[in-house]
Amino acid sequence: MNVLFLTSTLPRFDGDQQAPFVLEQATAWKKARPDDKLYILAPHDTGAQVIERINGVQINRFHYIRPSLLQSLAYPSIIPNLRRYPWRALQIPFFLWGQYRAAKKIIAENEIELVYAHWVMPQGVIAERLRQATGVPYVLQNHSSDVTFFEKFGRLGRAWAIKILKNAKILFCVNSMQSEAAQALLPGLHHFVLPMGVAMPLPNEARVLSQDEYSYALGTISRLSQKKGLDYLIIAAEHLAQRHLLPKIAIAGDGEGREPLKALPQMSDVTFPGFLVGEEKLKFFDSCYAMVFPSVSANGDVEGLPVALLEAMAAGKPIIASYDTNITLLEEWSDISEAVELLEDPSDSTAFADAIKRTLALRPSDVARNARILKRTADRYRWENLIVEYLLVIDSVTQEKSVEK
């Protein structure tokens, strides 16, 4: 099968901080089905190659503004870019046209049989237009709140979203909340709830040591943006410091919130290791006793399900996670709920501080038991396993198409 992935973001070079899940998914697919020809079409940015091959997958990057130095919509992320500089919305029509035109060319030259659109907006819009122009079917992957985005445009936007969902062969949602939002728009929608997977190689056995053998009591790794709730983590750490408790905390990653976050700690012991990939990322997980994910809904920008949270589960770490990570929407939540310290409201600094204290007071036997539970659940979400579930659904689409012919 020849498949074209459409995405708004993709790592531009080795060590880039852009989320790699589209490439990881395509890589797992290629490994499982080496005879399939896979293409990814992502926006270009200064310093990125226009065409390259990674792990057997062809990467194409389209220009949407000339000269390329003026392209400022896609990276590091569209929504934060628009919030910071609303005038960048002027680039949206050029982005849509640029990706559509480049995708149509790839379809024609490579006999593409299926378009896989990551995000309903804007890639779903492009996929639907491509279907009309070329007849190539598409599937959608919803990652956050992009379905509800259409409601901002009233009845016209709602009708637009319904059309895109209705004409998709399948909608993949990373959690059940997204599924419910999509079904509210289009009851009976053909959809599946599957998160993005874990590609990071992690040890088969959790390393359970005494806390003083770890560099950090608590760690987190993410894009440093408002929806990650990291300011609440620091406020909780300050609350603990007032009680003369100073656990070492590391906040890894980079993003628009880095400098404001660095200015927050006054008494607490918080460090910022920066953006980490590869071996550095593995070492960081290994250096943390427990992991914390205090995500919050921020101006309509919500989490799908943090991949780093699944990675922490796969590592067998003690975990503190907020409701807004959507961990409770995992099918296996009832199996893992007792192994996770769940935050109802990260802005409640007293409750957050108490959750940290309870996590750091876990007995070694409880840590080992929880690690086994979390690792067993996370094993399903390793890409080498999860891609099988995706492909079973994709196969149902292609087989249906063959029967129609």
Protein backbone atom coordinates (compact mmCIF):
# COMPACT_ATOMS: atom_id res chain seq x y z
CA MET A 1 0.00 0.00 0.00
CA ASN A 2 1.15 3.54 -0.74
CA VAL A 3 0.23 5.93 2.09
CA LEU A 4 0.67 9.68 2.48
CA PHE A 5 0.72 11.13 6.02
CA LEU A 6 -0.23 14.80 6.37
CA THR A 7 0.97 16.66 9.46
CA SER A 8 1.46 20.18 10.79
CA THR A 9 4.64 19.37 12.64
CA LEU A 10 7.62 17.04 12.31
CA PRO A 11 11.21 17.09 13.58
CA ARG A 12 13.18 19.26 11.18
CA PHE A 13 16.63 17.86 11.96
CA ASP A 14 18.41 15.53 14.41
CA GLY A 15 17.82 16.69 17.97
CA ASP A 16 14.88 18.91 17.08
CA GLN A 17 12.36 19.47 19.89
CA GLN A 18 9.34 18.91 17.67
CA ALA A 19 7.10 16.00 18.67
CA PRO A 20 8.20 12.92 16.67
CA PHE A 21 5.06 10.78 17.00
CA VAL A 22 4.03 10.98 13.32
CA LEU A 23 7.49 9.79 12.26
CA GLU A 24 7.50 7.13 15.00
CA GLN A 25 4.13 5.83 13.82
CA ALA A 26 5.26 5.71 10.19
CA THR A 27 8.54 4.03 11.20
CA ALA A 28 6.65 1.33 13.16
CA TRP A 29 4.31 0.85 10.19
CA LYS A 30 7.25 0.47 7.79
CA LYS A 31 8.91 -2.04 10.09
CA ALA A 32 5.69 -4.08 10.32
CA ARG A 33 4.93 -3.78 6.58
CA PRO A 34 8.26 -3.28 4.78
CA ASP A 35 6.65 -3.54 1.34
CA ASP A 36 4.39 -0.54 1.96
CA LYS A 37 5.59 2.80 0.59
CA LEU A 38 5.12 5.57 3.12
CA TYR A 39 5.41 9.31 2.62
CA ILE A 40 5.11 12.15 5.14
CA LEU A 41 4.27 15.68 4.05
CA ALA A 42 5.10 18.35 6.65
CA PRO A 43 5.68 22.12 6.54
CA HIS A 44 9.15 23.30 5.65
CA ASP A 45 11.25 25.49 7.93
CA THR A 46 14.64 27.13 7.64
CA GLY A 47 17.40 24.53 7.98
CA ALA A 48 15.18 21.55 7.15
CA GLN A 49 15.70 19.40 4.06
CA VAL A 50 12.95 19.53 1.47
CA ILE A 51 13.22 15.78 0.75
CA GLU A 52 14.92 13.08 2.83
CA ARG A 53 14.46 9.44 3.85
CA ILE A 54 14.34 8.37 7.49
CA ASN A 55 13.93 4.71 8.48
CA GLY A 56 12.62 3.87 5.02
CA VAL A 57 9.99 6.64 5.08
CA GLN A 58 10.20 9.47 2.56
CA ILE A 59 9.84 12.91 4.10
CA ASN A 60 8.65 15.80 1.91
CA ARG A 61 8.44 19.36 3.24
CA PHE A 62 6.37 22.01 1.49
CA HIS A 63 7.05 25.75 1.35
CA TYR A 64 4.06 27.93 2.12
CA ILE A 65 5.73 31.36 2.08
CA ARG A 66 8.63 32.62 -0.02
CA PRO A 67 11.31 33.38 0.95
CA SER A 68 11.37 30.57 3.51
CA LEU A 69 12.69 32.90 6.24
CA LEU A 70 9.20 34.43 6.38
CA GLN A 71 7.54 31.08 7.25
CA SER A 72 6.53 31.49 10.89
CA LEU A 73 3.21 29.69 11.34
CA ALA A 74 4.05 26.02 11.83
CA TYR A 75 7.01 25.85 14.21
CA PRO A 76 7.34 25.37 17.09
CA SER A 77 3.52 25.05 17.22
CA ILE A 78 0.66 26.73 15.36
CA ILE A 79 -1.64 27.56 18.29
CA PRO A 80 1.02 29.23 20.52
CA ASN A 81 2.33 31.08 17.47
CA LEU A 82 -1.11 32.49 16.72
CA ARG A 83 -1.72 33.46 20.34
CA ARG A 84 1.57 35.30 20.54
CA TYR A 85 1.37 36.87 17.09
CA PRO A 86 -2.24 36.94 15.82
CA TRP A 87 -1.13 38.45 12.52
CA ARG A 88 0.37 35.06 11.61
CA ALA A 89 -3.18 33.95 10.84
CA LEU A 90 -2.58 35.68 7.50
CA GLN A 91 -0.30 32.74 6.62
CA ILE A 92 -3.04 30.11 7.11
CA PRO A 93 -4.45 30.27 3.55
CA PHE A 94 -0.94 29.94 2.14
CA PHE A 95 -0.28 26.98 4.46
CA LEU A 96 -3.47 25.19 3.36
CA TRP A 97 -2.81 25.83 -0.32
CA GLY A 98 0.87 24.84 -0.03
CA GLN A 99 0.14 21.51 1.63
CA TYR A 100 -2.77 20.74 -0.69
CA ARG A 101 -0.73 21.46 -3.81
CA ALA A 102 2.27 19.44 -2.59
CA ALA A 103 0.05 16.53 -1.50
CA LYS A 104 -1.75 16.43 -4.83
CA LYS A 105 1.60 16.21 -6.62
CA ILE A 106 2.79 13.34 -4.39
CA ILE A 107 -0.50 11.49 -4.93
CA ALA A 108 -0.17 11.78 -8.70
CA GLU A 109 3.48 10.76 -8.84
CA ASN A 110 3.36 7.86 -6.37
CA GLU A 111 -0.08 6.26 -6.83
CA ILE A 112 -1.09 7.02 -3.25
CA GLU A 113 -3.93 4.77 -2.08
CA LEU A 114 -4.64 6.30 1.32
CA VAL A 115 -4.15 9.70 2.96
CA TYR A 116 -3.58 9.66 6.74
CA ALA A 117 -4.36 13.13 8.10
CA HIS A 118 -3.02 13.96 11.55
CA TRP A 119 -5.31 16.62 13.07
CA VAL A 120 -8.80 17.32 11.81
CA MET A 121 -7.80 20.96 11.47
CA PRO A 122 -6.03 21.83 9.21
CA GLN A 123 -5.03 18.44 7.73
CA GLY A 124 -8.59 17.09 7.65
CA VAL A 125 -9.63 20.09 5.56
CA ILE A 126 -6.83 19.33 3.09
CA ALA A 127 -7.58 15.58 3.05
CA GLU A 128 -11.25 16.22 2.22
CA ARG A 129 -10.31 18.55 -0.63
CA LEU A 130 -7.83 15.94 -1.93
CA ARG A 131 -10.57 13.31 -1.83
CA GLN A 132 -12.75 15.49 -3.98
CA ALA A 133 -9.94 16.21 -6.44
CA THR A 134 -8.28 12.79 -6.65
CA GLY A 135 -10.70 10.23 -5.22
CA VAL A 136 -8.11 9.00 -2.69
CA PRO A 137 -9.79 8.09 0.65
CA TYR A 138 -8.53 9.41 3.95
CA VAL A 139 -8.44 8.56 7.63
CA LEU A 140 -8.19 11.15 10.39
CA GLN A 141 -6.23 11.27 13.63
CA ASN A 142 -7.60 13.65 16.27
CA HIS A 143 -5.01 14.76 18.83
CA SER A 144 -6.56 17.43 21.01
CA SER A 145 -9.46 19.85 20.69
CA ASP A 146 -9.30 20.40 16.94
CA VAL A 147 -12.83 19.09 16.29
CA THR A 148 -14.31 21.73 18.61
CA PHE A 149 -12.28 24.37 16.75
CA PHE A 150 -14.88 24.33 13.99
CA GLU A 151 -17.63 25.37 16.41
CA LYS A 152 -16.01 28.81 16.64
CA PHE A 153 -17.44 29.44 13.16
CA GLY A 154 -21.05 28.71 14.13
CA ARG A 155 -23.35 26.62 11.97
CA LEU A 156 -21.06 26.93 8.95
CA GLY A 157 -18.09 25.60 10.92
CA ARG A 158 -20.17 22.79 12.40
CA ALA A 159 -21.37 21.75 8.93
CA TRP A 160 -17.77 21.87 7.71
CA ALA A 161 -16.58 19.59 10.52
CA ILE A 162 -19.45 17.15 9.95
CA LYS A 163 -18.58 16.89 6.26
CA ILE A 164 -14.92 16.15 7.00
CA LEU A 165 -15.81 13.52 9.62
CA LYS A 166 -18.54 11.95 7.52
CA ASN A 167 -16.29 11.47 4.47
CA ALA A 168 -13.39 10.03 6.48
CA LYS A 169 -13.08 6.26 6.33
CA ILE A 170 -12.06 6.22 10.00
CA LEU A 171 -11.46 8.68 12.82
CA PHE A 172 -8.77 7.75 15.34
CA CYS A 173 -9.08 9.57 18.69
CA VAL A 174 -6.32 9.49 21.30
CA ASN A 175 -8.86 9.41 24.13
CA SER A 176 -12.57 8.80 24.73
CA MET A 177 -13.31 12.47 25.45
CA GLN A 178 -12.35 13.33 21.88
CA SER A 179 -14.48 10.42 20.71
CA GLU A 180 -17.50 11.80 22.56
CA ALA A 181 -16.97 15.29 21.08
CA ALA A 182 -16.79 13.86 17.56
CA GLN A 183 -19.87 11.68 18.07
CA ALA A 184 -21.79 14.69 19.35
CA LEU A 185 -21.20 16.23 15.94
CA LEU A 186 -21.85 13.05 13.98
CA PRO A 187 -23.65 10.23 15.82
CA GLY A 188 -22.70 6.76 14.58
CA LEU A 189 -19.28 7.94 13.41
CA HIS A 190 -16.89 5.09 12.50
CA HIS A 191 -14.08 5.70 14.97
CA PHE A 192 -11.52 4.04 17.24
CA VAL A 193 -9.83 5.24 20.42
CA LEU A 194 -6.09 4.65 20.21
CA PRO A 195 -3.38 6.95 21.62
CA MET A 196 -0.02 7.67 20.08
CA GLY A 197 2.59 5.12 21.09
CA VAL A 198 5.89 4.86 22.91
CA ALA A 199 9.05 4.49 20.83
CA MET A 200 11.72 5.19 23.45
CA PRO A 201 13.65 2.01 24.33
CA LEU A 202 13.25 1.48 28.04
CA PRO A 203 14.63 -1.21 30.37
CA ASN A 204 12.59 -4.39 30.70
CA GLU A 205 12.85 -4.29 34.47
CA ALA A 206 12.08 -1.21 36.55
CA ARG A 207 15.06 0.03 38.56
CA VAL A 208 13.75 0.37 42.09
CA LEU A 209 16.37 1.93 44.33
CA SER A 210 16.26 4.06 47.45
CA GLN A 211 15.42 7.68 46.72
CA ASP A 212 18.86 9.01 47.57
CA GLU A 213 20.34 6.98 44.70
CA TYR A 214 18.43 9.10 42.15
CA SER A 215 19.54 12.53 41.01
CA TYR A 216 15.99 13.89 41.25
CA ALA A 217 13.05 13.04 43.47
CA LEU A 218 10.63 14.27 40.80
CA GLY A 219 11.00 14.82 37.09
CA THR A 220 8.86 15.87 34.19
CA ILE A 221 9.56 16.27 30.50
CA SER A 222 7.41 18.13 28.01
CA ARG A 223 7.08 21.21 25.89
CA LEU A 224 7.19 24.12 28.34
CA SER A 225 3.79 25.52 27.51
CA GLN A 226 0.83 26.74 29.56
CA LYS A 227 -1.27 23.59 29.21
CA LYS A 228 1.43 21.48 30.90
CA GLY A 229 0.64 23.11 34.29
CA LEU A 230 4.31 23.32 35.26
CA ASP A 231 3.83 26.61 37.11
CA TYR A 232 1.56 24.71 39.51
CA LEU A 233 4.28 22.13 40.08
CA ILE A 234 6.70 24.89 41.07
CA ILE A 235 4.10 26.54 43.31
CA ALA A 236 3.55 23.18 45.06
CA ALA A 237 7.32 22.83 45.46
CA GLU A 238 7.40 26.31 47.04
CA HIS A 239 4.61 25.19 49.36
CA LEU A 240 6.73 22.20 50.42
CA ALA A 241 9.75 24.44 50.92
CA GLN A 242 7.73 26.46 53.41
CA ARG A 243 7.37 23.19 55.34
CA HIS A 244 11.16 22.75 55.12
CA LEU A 245 10.87 19.98 52.55
CA LEU A 246 13.12 20.38 49.52
CA PRO A 247 12.78 17.48 47.07
CA LYS A 248 14.97 17.90 44.00
CA ILE A 249 12.78 18.54 40.97
CA ALA A 250 13.82 18.61 37.31
CA ILE A 251 11.71 20.13 34.53
CA ALA A 252 13.13 19.00 31.19
CA GLY A 253 12.11 20.46 27.86
CA ASP A 254 11.95 23.78 26.09
CA GLY A 255 9.30 26.14 24.83
CA GLU A 256 7.73 29.55 25.15
CA GLY A 257 7.22 29.16 28.90
CA ARG A 258 10.84 28.42 29.80
CA GLU A 259 11.94 31.85 31.06
CA PRO A 260 8.75 32.61 33.07
CA LEU A 261 9.03 29.19 34.72
CA LYS A 262 12.70 29.66 35.57
CA ALA A 263 11.80 32.89 37.37
CA LEU A 264 9.28 31.20 39.69
CA PRO A 265 11.38 29.11 42.15
CA GLN A 266 12.43 31.12 45.21
CA MET A 267 12.98 28.53 47.95
CA SER A 268 12.38 25.22 46.14
CA ASP A 269 15.08 23.10 44.48
CA VAL A 270 14.02 23.15 40.81
CA THR A 271 16.37 22.73 37.86
CA PHE A 272 15.82 22.95 34.09
CA PRO A 273 17.98 20.44 32.17
CA GLY A 274 16.69 21.72 28.81
CA PHE A 275 15.48 19.80 25.79
CA LEU A 276 16.56 16.14 25.83
CA VAL A 277 16.48 13.44 23.17
CA GLY A 278 17.98 10.00 22.60
CA GLU A 279 20.42 8.80 25.25
CA GLU A 280 20.05 12.03 27.23
CA LYS A 281 16.33 11.46 27.51
CA LEU A 282 16.84 7.86 28.62
CA LYS A 283 19.35 8.97 31.24
CA PHE A 284 16.93 11.61 32.47
CA PHE A 285 14.14 9.07 33.04
CA ASP A 286 16.63 6.83 34.79
CA SER A 287 17.76 9.70 37.05
CA CYS A 288 14.25 10.44 38.36
CA TYR A 289 12.64 8.55 41.21
CA ALA A 290 9.11 9.63 40.23
CA MET A 291 7.50 11.50 37.32
CA VAL A 292 4.83 14.19 37.48
CA PHE A 293 2.42 15.47 34.79
CA PRO A 294 0.22 18.35 36.04
CA SER A 295 -1.50 19.24 32.72
CA VAL A 296 -4.38 21.74 32.71
CA SER A 297 -6.82 23.03 30.13
CA ALA A 298 -5.44 26.37 28.93
CA ASN A 299 -7.62 28.68 26.83
CA GLY A 300 -9.17 25.76 24.98
CA ASP A 301 -5.79 24.09 24.35
CA VAL A 302 -6.03 20.67 26.00
CA GLU A 303 -3.98 17.52 26.15
CA GLY A 304 -4.69 14.44 24.10
CA LEU A 305 -2.60 12.10 26.23
CA PRO A 306 1.05 12.99 26.90
CA VAL A 307 3.38 10.45 25.29
CA ALA A 308 5.87 11.16 28.09
CA LEU A 309 3.25 9.89 30.55
CA LEU A 310 3.09 6.58 28.69
CA GLU A 311 6.89 6.52 28.66
CA ALA A 312 6.93 7.01 32.44
CA MET A 313 4.49 4.13 32.80
CA ALA A 314 6.66 1.96 30.57
CA ALA A 315 9.62 2.85 32.79
CA GLY A 316 7.67 1.74 35.86
CA LYS A 317 8.04 5.08 37.62
CA PRO A 318 5.85 6.31 40.48
CA ILE A 319 3.49 8.76 38.74
CA ILE A 320 1.59 11.88 39.71
CA ALA A 321 -0.85 12.90 36.96
CA SER A 322 -3.71 15.37 36.70
CA TYR A 323 -7.17 14.63 35.31
CA ASP A 324 -6.35 16.87 32.36
CA THR A 325 -3.65 14.48 31.17
CA ASN A 326 -6.68 12.30 30.36
CA ILE A 327 -5.02 9.27 31.92
CA THR A 328 -8.42 8.29 33.35
CA LEU A 329 -9.68 7.87 29.77
CA LEU A 330 -7.34 4.96 29.11
CA GLU A 331 -9.24 1.69 28.74
CA GLU A 332 -7.01 0.25 31.45
CA TRP A 333 -7.62 3.01 34.00
CA SER A 334 -9.44 0.73 36.42
CA ASP A 335 -6.39 -1.57 36.38
CA ILE A 336 -3.82 1.16 37.05
CA SER A 337 -5.77 3.69 39.15
CA GLU A 338 -4.31 2.48 42.44
CA ALA A 339 -0.78 2.80 41.00
CA VAL A 340 -1.19 6.48 40.05
CA GLU A 341 -1.43 9.53 42.31
CA LEU A 342 -4.25 11.45 40.62
CA LEU A 343 -4.49 15.24 40.96
CA GLU A 344 -7.98 16.67 40.78
CA ASP A 345 -6.77 20.27 40.52
CA PRO A 346 -3.06 21.11 40.12
CA SER A 347 -3.80 24.74 41.11
CA ASP A 348 -4.60 23.51 44.64
CA SER A 349 -1.04 23.83 45.91
CA THR A 350 -1.78 22.22 49.28
CA ALA A 351 -3.30 19.12 47.68
CA PHE A 352 -0.49 19.02 45.10
CA ALA A 353 2.16 19.24 47.82
CA ASP A 354 0.44 16.47 49.77
CA ALA A 355 0.39 14.28 46.65
CA ILE A 356 4.13 14.78 46.28
CA LYS A 357 4.67 13.85 49.92
CA ARG A 358 2.61 10.66 49.57
CA THR A 359 4.49 9.64 46.44
CA LEU A 360 7.88 10.18 48.04
CA ALA A 361 6.73 8.20 51.10
CA LEU A 362 5.83 5.05 49.14
CA ARG A 363 7.31 1.84 50.49
CA PRO A 364 9.77 0.08 48.14
CA SER A 365 7.41 -2.90 47.93
CA ASP A 366 4.58 -0.60 46.79
CA VAL A 367 6.83 1.05 44.20
CA ALA A 368 7.80 -2.36 42.81
CA ARG A 369 4.17 -3.54 42.70
CA ASN A 370 3.00 -0.34 40.99
CA ALA A 371 5.86 -0.57 38.51
CA ARG A 372 4.74 -4.04 37.43
CA ILE A 373 1.15 -2.83 36.95
CA LEU A 374 2.13 0.26 34.96
CA LYS A 375 4.67 -1.52 32.78
CA ARG A 376 2.22 -4.28 31.91
CA THR A 377 -0.34 -1.71 30.76
CA ALA A 378 2.18 0.44 28.91
CA ASP A 379 3.47 -2.54 26.96
CA ARG A 380 0.36 -2.37 24.79
CA TYR A 381 1.29 1.18 23.80
CA ARG A 382 4.79 0.48 22.58
CA TRP A 383 4.74 1.26 18.87
CA GLU A 384 5.81 -2.24 17.86
CA ASN A 385 2.63 -3.53 19.54
CA LEU A 386 0.25 -0.61 19.04
CA ILE A 387 0.87 -0.35 15.29
CA VAL A 388 -0.71 -3.80 14.91
CA GLU A 389 -3.99 -2.39 16.25
CA TYR A 390 -3.79 0.59 13.90
CA LEU A 391 -3.07 -1.63 10.91
CA LEU A 392 -5.98 -3.95 11.67
CA VAL A 393 -8.28 -0.95 11.37
CA ILE A 394 -6.48 0.40 8.28
CA ASP A 395 -6.77 -3.04 6.65
CA SER A 396 -10.53 -2.97 7.16
CA VAL A 397 -10.63 0.25 5.14
CA THR A 398 -8.52 -1.06 2.27
CA GLN A 399 -10.38 -4.37 2.15
CA GLU A 400 -13.67 -2.49 2.04
CA LYS A 401 -12.30 -0.47 -0.86
CA SER A 402 -11.25 -3.64 -2.71
CA VAL A 403 -14.74 -5.13 -2.30
CA GLU A 404 -16.29 -1.94 -3.67
CA LYS A 405 -14.11 -2.21 -6.77
